[in-house]
PDB file of all heavy atoms in Angstrom:
ATOM      1  N   TYR A   1       0.871  -1.171   0.000  1.00  0.00           N
ATOM      2  CA  TYR A   1       0.000   0.000   0.000  1.00  0.00           C
ATOM      3  C   TYR A   1       0.914   1.230   0.000  1.00  0.00           C
ATOM      4  O   TYR A   1       1.863   1.289   0.782  1.00  0.00           O
ATOM      5  CB  TYR A   1      -0.885   0.018   1.248  1.00  0.00           C
ATOM      6  CG  TYR A   1      -1.708  -1.237   1.423  1.00  0.00           C
ATOM      7  CD1 TYR A   1      -1.186  -2.331   2.118  1.00  0.00           C
ATOM      8  CD2 TYR A   1      -2.980  -1.329   0.895  1.00  0.00           C
ATOM      9  CE1 TYR A   1      -1.933  -3.492   2.287  1.00  0.00           C
ATOM     10  CE2 TYR A   1      -3.742  -2.485   1.054  1.00  0.00           C
ATOM     11  CZ  TYR A   1      -3.208  -3.556   1.745  1.00  0.00           C
ATOM     12  OH  TYR A   1      -3.947  -4.703   1.896  1.00  0.00           O
ATOM     13  N   SER A   2       0.632   2.186  -0.888  1.00  0.00           N
ATOM     14  CA  SER A   2       1.529   3.326  -0.989  1.00  0.00           C
ATOM     15  C   SER A   2       0.760   4.642  -1.049  1.00  0.00           C
ATOM     16  O   SER A   2      -0.440   4.678  -1.358  1.00  0.00           O
ATOM     17  CB  SER A   2       2.431   3.206  -2.228  1.00  0.00           C
ATOM     18  OG  SER A   2       1.659   3.168  -3.404  1.00  0.00           O
ATOM     19  N   GLY A   3       1.473   5.708  -0.744  1.00  0.00           N
ATOM     20  CA  GLY A   3       0.887   7.044  -0.796  1.00  0.00           C
ATOM     21  C   GLY A   3       1.990   8.073  -0.867  1.00  0.00           C
ATOM     22  O   GLY A   3       3.176   7.771  -0.667  1.00  0.00           O
ATOM     23  N   ALA A   4       1.636   9.306  -1.179  1.00  0.00           N
ATOM     24  CA  ALA A   4       2.619  10.383  -1.298  1.00  0.00           C
ATOM     25  C   ALA A   4       1.999  11.695  -0.864  1.00  0.00           C
ATOM     26  O   ALA A   4       0.779  11.889  -0.961  1.00  0.00           O
ATOM     27  CB  ALA A   4       3.121  10.486  -2.734  1.00  0.00           C
ATOM     28  N   VAL A   5       2.838  12.593  -0.381  1.00  0.00           N
ATOM     29  CA  VAL A   5       2.382  13.922   0.009  1.00  0.00           C
ATOM     30  C   VAL A   5       3.475  14.930  -0.319  1.00  0.00           C
ATOM     31  O   VAL A   5       4.668  14.629  -0.203  1.00  0.00           O
ATOM     32  CB  VAL A   5       2.023  13.965   1.515  1.00  0.00           C
ATOM     33  CG1 VAL A   5       3.253  13.690   2.380  1.00  0.00           C
ATOM     34  CG2 VAL A   5       1.403  15.297   1.893  1.00  0.00           C
ATOM     35  N   ASP A   6       3.077  16.119  -0.764  1.00  0.00           N
ATOM     36  CA  ASP A   6       4.004  17.212  -1.047  1.00  0.00           C
ATOM     37  C   ASP A   6       3.584  18.435  -0.243  1.00  0.00           C
ATOM     38  O   ASP A   6       2.392  18.762  -0.188  1.00  0.00           O
ATOM     39  CB  ASP A   6       4.010  17.581  -2.541  1.00  0.00           C
ATOM     40  CG  ASP A   6       4.547  16.453  -3.412  1.00  0.00           C
ATOM     41  OD1 ASP A   6       5.578  15.880  -3.037  1.00  0.00           O
ATOM     42  OD2 ASP A   6       3.935  16.160  -4.456  1.00  0.00           O
ATOM     43  N   GLU A   7       4.559  19.087   0.363  1.00  0.00           N
ATOM     44  CA  GLU A   7       4.305  20.328   1.092  1.00  0.00           C
ATOM     45  C   GLU A   7       5.236  21.397   0.546  1.00  0.00           C
ATOM     46  O   GLU A   7       6.408  21.126   0.251  1.00  0.00           O
ATOM     47  CB  GLU A   7       4.566  20.145   2.595  1.00  0.00           C
ATOM     48  CG  GLU A   7       3.671  19.128   3.280  1.00  0.00           C
ATOM     49  CD  GLU A   7       2.235  19.605   3.428  1.00  0.00           C
ATOM     50  OE1 GLU A   7       2.000  20.819   3.268  1.00  0.00           O
ATOM     51  OE2 GLU A   7       1.361  18.768   3.710  1.00  0.00           O
ATOM     52  N   ASP A   8       4.744  22.630   0.384  1.00  0.00           N
ATOM     53  CA  ASP A   8       5.610  23.707  -0.084  1.00  0.00           C
ATOM     54  C   ASP A   8       5.323  24.985   0.690  1.00  0.00           C
ATOM     55  O   ASP A   8       4.234  25.154   1.243  1.00  0.00           O
ATOM     56  CB  ASP A   8       5.434  23.942  -1.597  1.00  0.00           C
ATOM     57  CG  ASP A   8       4.017  24.342  -1.949  1.00  0.00           C
ATOM     58  OD1 ASP A   8       3.694  25.531  -1.874  1.00  0.00           O
ATOM     59  OD2 ASP A   8       3.218  23.440  -2.294  1.00  0.00           O
ATOM     60  N   GLY A   9       6.327  25.867   0.733  1.00  0.00           N
ATOM     61  CA  GLY A   9       6.163  27.118   1.459  1.00  0.00           C
ATOM     62  C   GLY A   9       7.485  27.834   1.630  1.00  0.00           C
ATOM     63  O   GLY A   9       8.512  27.444   1.066  1.00  0.00           O
ATOM     64  N   PHE A  10       7.451  28.891   2.431  1.00  0.00           N
ATOM     65  CA  PHE A  10       8.606  29.766   2.612  1.00  0.00           C
ATOM     66  C   PHE A  10       9.298  29.518   3.950  1.00  0.00           C
ATOM     67  O   PHE A  10       8.685  29.051   4.910  1.00  0.00           O
ATOM     68  CB  PHE A  10       8.167  31.231   2.546  1.00  0.00           C
ATOM     69  CG  PHE A  10       7.571  31.622   1.223  1.00  0.00           C
ATOM     70  CD1 PHE A  10       6.196  31.677   1.057  1.00  0.00           C
ATOM     71  CD2 PHE A  10       8.386  31.922   0.153  1.00  0.00           C
ATOM     72  CE1 PHE A  10       5.645  32.034  -0.157  1.00  0.00           C
ATOM     73  CE2 PHE A  10       7.848  32.274  -1.073  1.00  0.00           C
ATOM     74  CZ  PHE A  10       6.466  32.327  -1.219  1.00  0.00           C
ATOM     75  N   GLY A  11      10.560  29.835   3.985  1.00  0.00           N
ATOM     76  CA  GLY A  11      11.336  29.753   5.210  1.00  0.00           C
ATOM     77  C   GLY A  11      12.541  30.655   5.104  1.00  0.00           C
ATOM     78  O   GLY A  11      12.668  31.442   4.161  1.00  0.00           O
ATOM     79  N   GLY A  12      13.445  30.537   6.050  1.00  0.00           N
ATOM     80  CA  GLY A  12      14.649  31.360   6.039  1.00  0.00           C
ATOM     81  C   GLY A  12      15.900  30.511   6.101  1.00  0.00           C
ATOM     82  O   GLY A  12      15.828  29.298   6.296  1.00  0.00           O
ATOM     83  N   PHE A  13      17.044  31.148   5.914  1.00  0.00           N
ATOM     84  CA  PHE A  13      18.306  30.431   6.063  1.00  0.00           C
ATOM     85  C   PHE A  13      19.380  31.356   6.608  1.00  0.00           C
ATOM     86  O   PHE A  13      19.341  32.579   6.435  1.00  0.00           O
ATOM     87  CB  PHE A  13      18.767  29.805   4.739  1.00  0.00           C
ATOM     88  CG  PHE A  13      19.231  30.785   3.687  1.00  0.00           C
ATOM     89  CD1 PHE A  13      20.557  31.202   3.632  1.00  0.00           C
ATOM     90  CD2 PHE A  13      18.346  31.285   2.752  1.00  0.00           C
ATOM     91  CE1 PHE A  13      20.983  32.103   2.671  1.00  0.00           C
ATOM     92  CE2 PHE A  13      18.758  32.173   1.776  1.00  0.00           C
ATOM     93  CZ  PHE A  13      20.087  32.593   1.736  1.00  0.00           C
ATOM     94  N   LEU A  14      20.342  30.766   7.301  1.00  0.00           N
ATOM     95  CA  LEU A  14      21.515  31.447   7.842  1.00  0.00           C
ATOM     96  C   LEU A  14      22.719  30.559   7.575  1.00  0.00           C
ATOM     97  O   LEU A  14      22.619  29.332   7.664  1.00  0.00           O
ATOM     98  CB  LEU A  14      21.390  31.668   9.349  1.00  0.00           C
ATOM     99  CG  LEU A  14      20.355  32.678   9.851  1.00  0.00           C
ATOM    100  CD1 LEU A  14      20.231  32.568  11.360  1.00  0.00           C
ATOM    101  CD2 LEU A  14      20.759  34.093   9.456  1.00  0.00           C
ATOM    102  N   GLY A  15      23.848  31.172   7.260  1.00  0.00           N
ATOM    103  CA  GLY A  15      25.028  30.361   7.012  1.00  0.00           C
ATOM    104  C   GLY A  15      26.308  31.126   7.203  1.00  0.00           C
ATOM    105  O   GLY A  15      26.323  32.360   7.333  1.00  0.00           O
ATOM    106  N   ALA A  16      27.391  30.393   7.225  1.00  0.00           N
ATOM    107  CA  ALA A  16      28.725  30.972   7.330  1.00  0.00           C
ATOM    108  C   ALA A  16      29.701  30.069   6.593  1.00  0.00           C
ATOM    109  O   ALA A  16      29.476  28.858   6.481  1.00  0.00           O
ATOM    110  CB  ALA A  16      29.147  31.108   8.796  1.00  0.00           C
ATOM    111  N   GLY A  17      30.750  30.670   6.068  1.00  0.00           N
ATOM    112  CA  GLY A  17      31.724  29.876   5.341  1.00  0.00           C
ATOM    113  C   GLY A  17      33.105  30.477   5.373  1.00  0.00           C
ATOM    114  O   GLY A  17      33.305  31.609   5.836  1.00  0.00           O
ATOM    115  N   PHE A  18      34.042  29.694   4.874  1.00  0.00           N
ATOM    116  CA  PHE A  18      35.444  30.104   4.844  1.00  0.00           C
ATOM    117  C   PHE A  18      35.985  29.863   3.447  1.00  0.00           C
ATOM    118  O   PHE A  18      35.882  28.742   2.914  1.00  0.00           O
ATOM    119  CB  PHE A  18      36.246  29.297   5.872  1.00  0.00           C
ATOM    120  CG  PHE A  18      37.702  29.643   5.910  1.00  0.00           C
ATOM    121  CD1 PHE A  18      38.154  30.775   6.573  1.00  0.00           C
ATOM    122  CD2 PHE A  18      38.635  28.828   5.262  1.00  0.00           C
ATOM    123  CE1 PHE A  18      39.509  31.093   6.603  1.00  0.00           C
ATOM    124  CE2 PHE A  18      39.985  29.146   5.288  1.00  0.00           C
ATOM    125  CZ  PHE A  18      40.415  30.287   5.963  1.00  0.00           C
ATOM    126  N   ASN A  19      36.535  30.896   2.826  1.00  0.00           N
ATOM    127  CA  ASN A  19      37.146  30.768   1.511  1.00  0.00           C
ATOM    128  C   ASN A  19      38.573  30.241   1.664  1.00  0.00           C
ATOM    129  O   ASN A  19      39.463  30.958   2.102  1.00  0.00           O
ATOM    130  CB  ASN A  19      37.165  32.120   0.792  1.00  0.00           C
ATOM    131  CG  ASN A  19      35.777  32.577   0.390  1.00  0.00           C
ATOM    132  OD1 ASN A  19      34.937  31.765   0.022  1.00  0.00           O
ATOM    133  ND2 ASN A  19      35.519  33.873   0.478  1.00  0.00           N
ATOM    134  N   VAL A  20      38.751  28.991   1.289  1.00  0.00           N
ATOM    135  CA  VAL A  20      40.083  28.390   1.346  1.00  0.00           C
ATOM    136  C   VAL A  20      40.980  29.060   0.299  1.00  0.00           C
ATOM    137  O   VAL A  20      42.145  29.358   0.554  1.00  0.00           O
ATOM    138  CB  VAL A  20      40.005  26.873   1.103  1.00  0.00           C
ATOM    139  CG1 VAL A  20      41.386  26.238   1.174  1.00  0.00           C
ATOM    140  CG2 VAL A  20      39.054  26.221   2.111  1.00  0.00           C
ATOM    141  N   THR A  21      40.420  29.279  -0.885  1.00  0.00           N
ATOM    142  CA  THR A  21      41.066  30.059  -1.946  1.00  0.00           C
ATOM    143  C   THR A  21      39.985  30.970  -2.529  1.00  0.00           C
ATOM    144  O   THR A  21      38.851  30.997  -2.036  1.00  0.00           O
ATOM    145  CB  THR A  21      41.621  29.148  -3.065  1.00  0.00           C
ATOM    146  OG1 THR A  21      40.518  28.568  -3.787  1.00  0.00           O
ATOM    147  CG2 THR A  21      42.495  28.038  -2.507  1.00  0.00           C
ATOM    148  N   ASP A  22      40.298  31.705  -3.585  1.00  0.00           N
ATOM    149  CA  ASP A  22      39.288  32.544  -4.215  1.00  0.00           C
ATOM    150  C   ASP A  22      38.173  31.703  -4.834  1.00  0.00           C
ATOM    151  O   ASP A  22      37.062  32.192  -5.021  1.00  0.00           O
ATOM    152  CB  ASP A  22      39.936  33.425  -5.298  1.00  0.00           C
ATOM    153  CG  ASP A  22      38.938  34.393  -5.912  1.00  0.00           C
ATOM    154  OD1 ASP A  22      38.316  35.158  -5.145  1.00  0.00           O
ATOM    155  OD2 ASP A  22      38.757  34.369  -7.145  1.00  0.00           O
ATOM    156  N   ASN A  23      38.458  30.455  -5.134  1.00  0.00           N
ATOM    157  CA  ASN A  23      37.477  29.588  -5.794  1.00  0.00           C
ATOM    158  C   ASN A  23      36.847  28.545  -4.883  1.00  0.00           C
ATOM    159  O   ASN A  23      35.720  28.131  -5.108  1.00  0.00           O
ATOM    160  CB  ASN A  23      38.118  28.862  -6.986  1.00  0.00           C
ATOM    161  CG  ASN A  23      38.663  29.818  -8.021  1.00  0.00           C
ATOM    162  OD1 ASN A  23      39.867  30.007  -8.119  1.00  0.00           O
ATOM    163  ND2 ASN A  23      37.779  30.423  -8.791  1.00  0.00           N
ATOM    164  N   ILE A  24      37.580  28.099  -3.875  1.00  0.00           N
ATOM    165  CA  ILE A  24      37.125  26.978  -3.045  1.00  0.00           C
ATOM    166  C   ILE A  24      36.725  27.459  -1.656  1.00  0.00           C
ATOM    167  O   ILE A  24      37.438  28.242  -1.025  1.00  0.00           O
ATOM    168  CB  ILE A  24      38.231  25.910  -2.933  1.00  0.00           C
ATOM    169  CG1 ILE A  24      38.575  25.359  -4.328  1.00  0.00           C
ATOM    170  CG2 ILE A  24      37.783  24.772  -2.012  1.00  0.00           C
ATOM    171  CD1 ILE A  24      39.773  24.433  -4.338  1.00  0.00           C
ATOM    172  N   SER A  25      35.564  26.969  -1.188  1.00  0.00           N
ATOM    173  CA  SER A  25      35.085  27.355   0.136  1.00  0.00           C
ATOM    174  C   SER A  25      34.494  26.136   0.857  1.00  0.00           C
ATOM    175  O   SER A  25      34.154  25.132   0.245  1.00  0.00           O
ATOM    176  CB  SER A  25      34.013  28.447   0.028  1.00  0.00           C
ATOM    177  OG  SER A  25      32.883  27.967  -0.692  1.00  0.00           O
ATOM    178  N   VAL A  26      34.380  26.269   2.175  1.00  0.00           N
ATOM    179  CA  VAL A  26      33.701  25.276   3.003  1.00  0.00           C
ATOM    180  C   VAL A  26      32.779  26.033   3.947  1.00  0.00           C
ATOM    181  O   VAL A  26      33.011  27.207   4.256  1.00  0.00           O
ATOM    182  CB  VAL A  26      34.689  24.410   3.818  1.00  0.00           C
ATOM    183  CG1 VAL A  26      35.555  23.560   2.905  1.00  0.00           C
ATOM    184  CG2 VAL A  26      35.563  25.281   4.717  1.00  0.00           C
ATOM    185  N   GLY A  27      31.706  25.381   4.391  1.00  0.00           N
ATOM    186  CA  GLY A  27      30.816  26.090   5.300  1.00  0.00           C
ATOM    187  C   GLY A  27      29.595  25.303   5.700  1.00  0.00           C
ATOM    188  O   GLY A  27      29.443  24.116   5.379  1.00  0.00           O
ATOM    189  N   LEU A  28      28.712  25.978   6.426  1.00  0.00           N
ATOM    190  CA  LEU A  28      27.450  25.420   6.905  1.00  0.00           C
ATOM    191  C   LEU A  28      26.323  26.398   6.593  1.00  0.00           C
ATOM    192  O   LEU A  28      26.498  27.614   6.750  1.00  0.00           O
ATOM    193  CB  LEU A  28      27.483  25.190   8.419  1.00  0.00           C
ATOM    194  CG  LEU A  28      28.388  24.102   8.982  1.00  0.00           C
ATOM    195  CD1 LEU A  28      28.414  24.198  10.511  1.00  0.00           C
ATOM    196  CD2 LEU A  28      27.883  22.724   8.559  1.00  0.00           C
ATOM    197  N   THR A  29      25.178  25.877   6.171  1.00  0.00           N
ATOM    198  CA  THR A  29      23.988  26.699   5.993  1.00  0.00           C
ATOM    199  C   THR A  29      22.811  25.983   6.645  1.00  0.00           C
ATOM    200  O   THR A  29      22.597  24.795   6.424  1.00  0.00           O
ATOM    201  CB  THR A  29      23.675  26.941   4.502  1.00  0.00           C
ATOM    202  OG1 THR A  29      24.795  27.562   3.874  1.00  0.00           O
ATOM    203  CG2 THR A  29      22.462  27.856   4.351  1.00  0.00           C
ATOM    204  N   TYR A  30      22.076  26.728   7.458  1.00  0.00           N
ATOM    205  CA  TYR A  30      20.911  26.176   8.156  1.00  0.00           C
ATOM    206  C   TYR A  30      19.631  26.685   7.500  1.00  0.00           C
ATOM    207  O   TYR A  30      19.435  27.897   7.345  1.00  0.00           O
ATOM    208  CB  TYR A  30      20.946  26.594   9.628  1.00  0.00           C
ATOM    209  CG  TYR A  30      19.692  26.248  10.399  1.00  0.00           C
ATOM    210  CD1 TYR A  30      19.449  24.943  10.804  1.00  0.00           C
ATOM    211  CD2 TYR A  30      18.750  27.230  10.715  1.00  0.00           C
ATOM    212  CE1 TYR A  30      18.305  24.611  11.513  1.00  0.00           C
ATOM    213  CE2 TYR A  30      17.605  26.914  11.424  1.00  0.00           C
ATOM    214  CZ  TYR A  30      17.386  25.605  11.814  1.00  0.00           C
ATOM    215  OH  TYR A  30      16.249  25.290  12.509  1.00  0.00           O
ATOM    216  N   TYR A  31      18.777  25.762   7.053  1.00  0.00           N
ATOM    217  CA  TYR A  31      17.486  26.100   6.452  1.00  0.00           C
ATOM    218  C   TYR A  31      16.375  25.746   7.433  1.00  0.00           C
ATOM    219  O   TYR A  31      16.332  24.605   7.915  1.00  0.00           O
ATOM    220  CB  TYR A  31      17.260  25.297   5.162  1.00  0.00           C
ATOM    221  CG  TYR A  31      18.124  25.709   3.997  1.00  0.00           C
ATOM    222  CD1 TYR A  31      19.401  25.182   3.828  1.00  0.00           C
ATOM    223  CD2 TYR A  31      17.653  26.616   3.057  1.00  0.00           C
ATOM    224  CE1 TYR A  31      20.192  25.552   2.748  1.00  0.00           C
ATOM    225  CE2 TYR A  31      18.430  26.987   1.967  1.00  0.00           C
ATOM    226  CZ  TYR A  31      19.695  26.453   1.822  1.00  0.00           C
ATOM    227  OH  TYR A  31      20.480  26.823   0.761  1.00  0.00           O
ATOM    228  N   ASP A  32      15.483  26.695   7.702  1.00  0.00           N
ATOM    229  CA  ASP A  32      14.343  26.355   8.551  1.00  0.00           C
ATOM    230  C   ASP A  32      13.056  26.360   7.724  1.00  0.00           C
ATOM    231  O   ASP A  32      13.008  26.860   6.607  1.00  0.00           O
ATOM    232  CB  ASP A  32      14.230  27.300   9.758  1.00  0.00           C
ATOM    233  CG  ASP A  32      13.683  28.675   9.401  1.00  0.00           C
ATOM    234  OD1 ASP A  32      13.643  29.022   8.199  1.00  0.00           O
ATOM    235  OD2 ASP A  32      13.295  29.403  10.326  1.00  0.00           O
ATOM    236  N   ASN A  33      12.023  25.722   8.273  1.00  0.00           N
ATOM    237  CA  ASN A  33      10.695  25.678   7.645  1.00  0.00           C
ATOM    238  C   ASN A  33      10.730  25.161   6.210  1.00  0.00           C
ATOM    239  O   ASN A  33      10.095  25.744   5.319  1.00  0.00           O
ATOM    240  CB  ASN A  33      10.047  27.064   7.675  1.00  0.00           C
ATOM    241  CG  ASN A  33       9.681  27.499   9.079  1.00  0.00           C
ATOM    242  OD1 ASN A  33      10.104  26.894  10.054  1.00  0.00           O
ATOM    243  ND2 ASN A  33       8.903  28.553   9.186  1.00  0.00           N
ATOM    244  N   LEU A  34      11.454  24.095   5.955  1.00  0.00           N
ATOM    245  CA  LEU A  34      11.434  23.501   4.616  1.00  0.00           C
ATOM    246  C   LEU A  34      10.010  23.054   4.277  1.00  0.00           C
ATOM    247  O   LEU A  34       9.328  22.461   5.107  1.00  0.00           O
ATOM    248  CB  LEU A  34      12.394  22.317   4.536  1.00  0.00           C
ATOM    249  CG  LEU A  34      13.886  22.683   4.513  1.00  0.00           C
ATOM    250  CD1 LEU A  34      14.736  21.434   4.722  1.00  0.00           C
ATOM    251  CD2 LEU A  34      14.261  23.362   3.205  1.00  0.00           C
ATOM    252  N   GLY A  35       9.580  23.362   3.072  1.00  0.00           N
ATOM    253  CA  GLY A  35       8.221  23.039   2.674  1.00  0.00           C
ATOM    254  C   GLY A  35       7.170  23.828   3.429  1.00  0.00           C
ATOM    255  O   GLY A  35       5.992  23.481   3.407  1.00  0.00           O
ATOM    256  N   GLY A  36       7.605  24.908   4.128  1.00  0.00           N
ATOM    257  CA  GLY A  36       6.670  25.699   4.917  1.00  0.00           C
ATOM    258  C   GLY A  36       6.288  25.063   6.236  1.00  0.00           C
ATOM    259  O   GLY A  36       5.426  25.575   6.956  1.00  0.00           O
ATOM    260  N   GLU A  37       6.955  23.954   6.591  1.00  0.00           N
ATOM    261  CA  GLU A  37       6.637  23.236   7.824  1.00  0.00           C
ATOM    262  C   GLU A  37       7.550  23.706   8.952  1.00  0.00           C
ATOM    263  O   GLU A  37       8.777  23.701   8.816  1.00  0.00           O
ATOM    264  CB  GLU A  37       6.806  21.732   7.616  1.00  0.00           C
ATOM    265  CG  GLU A  37       5.841  21.132   6.602  1.00  0.00           C
ATOM    266  CD  GLU A  37       4.413  21.199   7.085  1.00  0.00           C
ATOM    267  OE1 GLU A  37       4.143  20.833   8.251  1.00  0.00           O
ATOM    268  OE2 GLU A  37       3.554  21.656   6.303  1.00  0.00           O
ATOM    269  N   SER A  38       6.952  24.091  10.077  1.00  0.00           N
ATOM    270  CA  SER A  38       7.727  24.690  11.166  1.00  0.00           C
ATOM    271  C   SER A  38       8.719  23.726  11.810  1.00  0.00           C
ATOM    272  O   SER A  38       9.689  24.153  12.428  1.00  0.00           O
ATOM    273  CB  SER A  38       6.773  25.234  12.240  1.00  0.00           C
ATOM    274  OG  SER A  38       5.982  24.198  12.779  1.00  0.00           O
ATOM    275  N   ASP A  39       8.488  22.411  11.673  1.00  0.00           N
ATOM    276  CA  ASP A  39       9.397  21.443  12.298  1.00  0.00           C
ATOM    277  C   ASP A  39      10.302  20.754  11.276  1.00  0.00           C
ATOM    278  O   ASP A  39      10.923  19.736  11.577  1.00  0.00           O
ATOM    279  CB  ASP A  39       8.606  20.398  13.084  1.00  0.00           C
ATOM    280  CG  ASP A  39       7.613  19.648  12.212  1.00  0.00           C
ATOM    281  OD1 ASP A  39       7.404  20.055  11.051  1.00  0.00           O
ATOM    282  OD2 ASP A  39       7.046  18.650  12.687  1.00  0.00           O
ATOM    283  N   ALA A  40      10.393  21.308  10.061  1.00  0.00           N
ATOM    284  CA  ALA A  40      11.227  20.709   9.013  1.00  0.00           C
ATOM    285  C   ALA A  40      12.439  21.596   8.756  1.00  0.00           C
ATOM    286  O   ALA A  40      12.355  22.586   8.028  1.00  0.00           O
ATOM    287  CB  ALA A  40      10.420  20.525   7.727  1.00  0.00           C
ATOM    288  N   ASP A  41      13.551  21.274   9.397  1.00  0.00           N
ATOM    289  CA  ASP A  41      14.782  22.042   9.287  1.00  0.00           C
ATOM    290  C   ASP A  41      15.916  21.143   8.818  1.00  0.00           C
ATOM    291  O   ASP A  41      15.869  19.926   9.000  1.00  0.00           O
ATOM    292  CB  ASP A  41      15.164  22.667  10.644  1.00  0.00           C
ATOM    293  CG  ASP A  41      14.020  23.447  11.264  1.00  0.00           C
ATOM    294  OD1 ASP A  41      13.254  24.069  10.502  1.00  0.00           O
ATOM    295  OD2 ASP A  41      13.895  23.419  12.495  1.00  0.00           O
ATOM    296  N   ALA A  42      16.933  21.741   8.231  1.00  0.00           N
ATOM    297  CA  ALA A  42      18.085  20.963   7.774  1.00  0.00           C
ATOM    298  C   ALA A  42      19.344  21.806   7.864  1.00  0.00           C
ATOM    299  O   ALA A  42      19.306  23.035   7.686  1.00  0.00           O
ATOM    300  CB  ALA A  42      17.885  20.487   6.341  1.00  0.00           C
ATOM    301  N   THR A  43      20.462  21.164   8.132  1.00  0.00           N
ATOM    302  CA  THR A  43      21.765  21.818   8.153  1.00  0.00           C
ATOM    303  C   THR A  43      22.603  21.243   7.019  1.00  0.00           C
ATOM    304  O   THR A  43      22.800  20.027   6.934  1.00  0.00           O
ATOM    305  CB  THR A  43      22.487  21.593   9.495  1.00  0.00           C
ATOM    306  OG1 THR A  43      21.664  22.115  10.552  1.00  0.00           O
ATOM    307  CG2 THR A  43      23.826  22.307   9.512  1.00  0.00           C
TER     308      THR A  43
END
């Protein structure tokens, strides 16, 4: 038995990074409210 659901909406993001060179970087970005859901966050 199968089913599917899609949720969409707006949220915000915050991040920081370090430029190892002018071309290469590393970092973290935090996204909240993915799909407009208040408990759907990702780093």
